[in-house]
Structures are given as C-alpha cells and as structure tokens.
Amino acid sequence: MLSVGELARATGVTVRALHHYEEIGLLPPSARTVSGHRRYGDEEMQRLYRIVALRGLGLSLAWSASATHSTAAGPPPSRSSTS
C-alpha cells in the first residue's frame, strides 16, 4: 500500500490532483490508516495510470471516469454528440 505522496511520486501526479480525484469520486483510496491517511493499492495505481493516459489524449475527467469505472458496462460514451 502506498501513501498519497508515494503514489504521486510514482505516477507524476500531484498530491493536490489525487485529493481532487478522490473528492469527485474518480480515485478513492482503498483504505485509510487509523490516523486518516490515505492508502492506495495496485488497483488504484493501475486505474490512475489509465486516467493519466486518457488525460494525455485530451479526454475530460468525466470521460476518464466513465472509461475507468467499469469495463463490464461496455465502451465509454462517444466524444461526439451525434452518433
């Protein structure tokens, strides 16, 4: 399990961004210590790498959220409003 600072250093994402991702429900920590510190596991790290990759392609956080929440739900929505 990684602390928020360790996850930030490992992925190149700021601690502030990780806190924001938690606030919007995009990347909640898998656990918290007794003192309330966030802890992240391998699953969260893999999800964060996907989020970073999608953001690098210019996709929004909302789109990234739908793309990373569930692969069972099928593909994420189309970027265009017309189908």
C-alpha atoms as a PDB file:
ATOM      1  CA  MET A   1       0.000   0.000   0.000  1.00  0.00           C
ATOM      2  CA  LEU A   2       1.234   3.456  -0.920  1.00  0.00           C
ATOM      3  CA  SER A   3       0.659   6.792   0.761  1.00  0.00           C
ATOM      4  CA  VAL A   4      -0.727   9.641  -1.303  1.00  0.00           C
ATOM      5  CA  GLY A   5       2.767  11.149  -1.558  1.00  0.00           C
ATOM      6  CA  GLU A   6       4.310   7.873  -2.687  1.00  0.00           C
ATOM      7  CA  LEU A   7       1.591   7.403  -5.317  1.00  0.00           C
ATOM      8  CA  ALA A   8       2.110  10.970  -6.524  1.00  0.00           C
ATOM      9  CA  ARG A   9       5.868  10.449  -6.906  1.00  0.00           C
ATOM     10  CA  ALA A  10       5.407   7.074  -8.625  1.00  0.00           C
ATOM     11  CA  THR A  11       2.959   8.423 -11.202  1.00  0.00           C
ATOM     12  CA  GLY A  12       3.975  12.060 -11.672  1.00  0.00           C
ATOM     13  CA  VAL A  13       0.571  13.297 -10.499  1.00  0.00           C
ATOM     14  CA  THR A  14       0.414  15.948  -7.791  1.00  0.00           C
ATOM     15  CA  VAL A  15      -0.934  15.229  -4.323  1.00  0.00           C
ATOM     16  CA  ARG A  16      -3.456  18.002  -4.914  1.00  0.00           C
ATOM     17  CA  ALA A  17      -4.707  16.251  -8.084  1.00  0.00           C
ATOM     18  CA  LEU A  18      -5.046  12.968  -6.185  1.00  0.00           C
ATOM     19  CA  HIS A  19      -7.087  14.707  -3.489  1.00  0.00           C
ATOM     20  CA  HIS A  20      -9.274  16.242  -6.232  1.00  0.00           C
ATOM     21  CA  TYR A  21      -9.746  12.845  -7.893  1.00  0.00           C
ATOM     22  CA  GLU A  22     -10.900  11.478  -4.539  1.00  0.00           C
ATOM     23  CA  GLU A  23     -13.286  14.415  -3.980  1.00  0.00           C
ATOM     24  CA  ILE A  24     -15.006  13.852  -7.326  1.00  0.00           C
ATOM     25  CA  GLY A  25     -15.154  10.083  -6.822  1.00  0.00           C
ATOM     26  CA  LEU A  26     -12.674   9.279  -9.571  1.00  0.00           C
ATOM     27  CA  LEU A  27      -9.980   7.649  -7.430  1.00  0.00           C
ATOM     28  CA  PRO A  28     -10.929   6.928  -3.832  1.00  0.00           C
ATOM     29  CA  PRO A  29      -8.199   5.396  -1.675  1.00  0.00           C
ATOM     30  CA  SER A  30      -8.584   1.696  -0.969  1.00  0.00           C
ATOM     31  CA  ALA A  31      -8.001   2.261   2.754  1.00  0.00           C
ATOM     32  CA  ARG A  32      -7.169   4.804   5.414  1.00  0.00           C
ATOM     33  CA  THR A  33      -4.839   4.438   8.354  1.00  0.00           C
ATOM     34  CA  VAL A  34      -6.094   4.818  11.921  1.00  0.00           C
ATOM     35  CA  SER A  35      -4.933   8.441  11.740  1.00  0.00           C
ATOM     36  CA  GLY A  36      -6.885   9.018   8.495  1.00  0.00           C
ATOM     37  CA  HIS A  37      -4.043   8.938   5.974  1.00  0.00           C
ATOM     38  CA  ARG A  38      -4.971   7.709   2.506  1.00  0.00           C
ATOM     39  CA  ARG A  39      -3.551   4.384   1.311  1.00  0.00           C
ATOM     40  CA  TYR A  40      -3.568   3.186  -2.299  1.00  0.00           C
ATOM     41  CA  GLY A  41      -3.034  -0.322  -3.636  1.00  0.00           C
ATOM     42  CA  ASP A  42      -2.081  -1.793  -7.002  1.00  0.00           C
ATOM     43  CA  GLU A  43      -5.633  -1.473  -8.346  1.00  0.00           C
ATOM     44  CA  GLU A  44      -5.730   2.264  -7.665  1.00  0.00           C
ATOM     45  CA  MET A  45      -2.284   2.727  -9.188  1.00  0.00           C
ATOM     46  CA  GLN A  46      -3.354   0.922 -12.369  1.00  0.00           C
ATOM     47  CA  ARG A  47      -6.521   2.992 -12.531  1.00  0.00           C
ATOM     48  CA  LEU A  48      -4.526   6.187 -12.078  1.00  0.00           C
ATOM     49  CA  TYR A  49      -2.205   5.219 -14.934  1.00  0.00           C
ATOM     50  CA  ARG A  50      -5.289   4.752 -17.147  1.00  0.00           C
ATOM     51  CA  ILE A  51      -6.644   8.142 -16.063  1.00  0.00           C
ATOM     52  CA  VAL A  52      -3.291   9.815 -16.817  1.00  0.00           C
ATOM     53  CA  ALA A  53      -3.148   8.122 -20.235  1.00  0.00           C
ATOM     54  CA  LEU A  54      -6.686   9.226 -21.125  1.00  0.00           C
ATOM     55  CA  ARG A  55      -5.975  12.778 -19.929  1.00  0.00           C
ATOM     56  CA  GLY A  56      -2.838  12.731 -22.083  1.00  0.00           C
ATOM     57  CA  LEU A  57      -5.076  12.011 -25.063  1.00  0.00           C
ATOM     58  CA  GLY A  58      -7.066  15.137 -24.233  1.00  0.00           C
ATOM     59  CA  LEU A  59     -10.089  13.421 -22.713  1.00  0.00           C
ATOM     60  CA  SER A  60     -12.010  15.019 -19.848  1.00  0.00           C
ATOM     61  CA  LEU A  61     -12.045  13.726 -16.285  1.00  0.00           C
ATOM     62  CA  ALA A  62     -15.733  12.855 -16.723  1.00  0.00           C
ATOM     63  CA  TRP A  63     -14.911  10.762 -19.780  1.00  0.00           C
ATOM     64  CA  SER A  64     -11.977   9.193 -17.964  1.00  0.00           C
ATOM     65  CA  ALA A  65     -14.272   8.331 -15.056  1.00  0.00           C
ATOM     66  CA  SER A  66     -16.756   6.518 -17.267  1.00  0.00           C
ATOM     67  CA  ALA A  67     -13.947   4.744 -19.114  1.00  0.00           C
ATOM     68  CA  THR A  68     -12.247   3.512 -15.942  1.00  0.00           C
ATOM     69  CA  HIS A  69     -15.197   2.700 -13.678  1.00  0.00           C
ATOM     70  CA  SER A  70     -16.323  -0.478 -15.345  1.00  0.00           C
ATOM     71  CA  THR A  71     -15.199  -2.456 -18.308  1.00  0.00           C
ATOM     72  CA  ALA A  72     -18.273  -4.690 -17.867  1.00  0.00           C
ATOM     73  CA  ALA A  73     -20.538  -1.776 -18.787  1.00  0.00           C
ATOM     74  CA  GLY A  74     -19.121  -1.664 -22.279  1.00  0.00           C
ATOM     75  CA  PRO A  75     -17.206   1.108 -24.006  1.00  0.00           C
ATOM     76  CA  PRO A  76     -17.303   4.676 -22.683  1.00  0.00           C
ATOM     77  CA  PRO A  77     -19.658   7.157 -24.348  1.00  0.00           C
ATOM     78  CA  SER A  78     -18.732   8.685 -27.672  1.00  0.00           C
ATOM     79  CA  ARG A  79     -16.930  12.028 -27.591  1.00  0.00           C
ATOM     80  CA  SER A  80     -19.249  13.446 -30.241  1.00  0.00           C
ATOM     81  CA  SER A  81     -22.855  14.349 -29.573  1.00  0.00           C
ATOM     82  CA  THR A  82     -24.025  12.762 -32.825  1.00  0.00           C
ATOM     83  CA  SER A  83     -23.966   9.057 -33.422  1.00  0.00           C
END
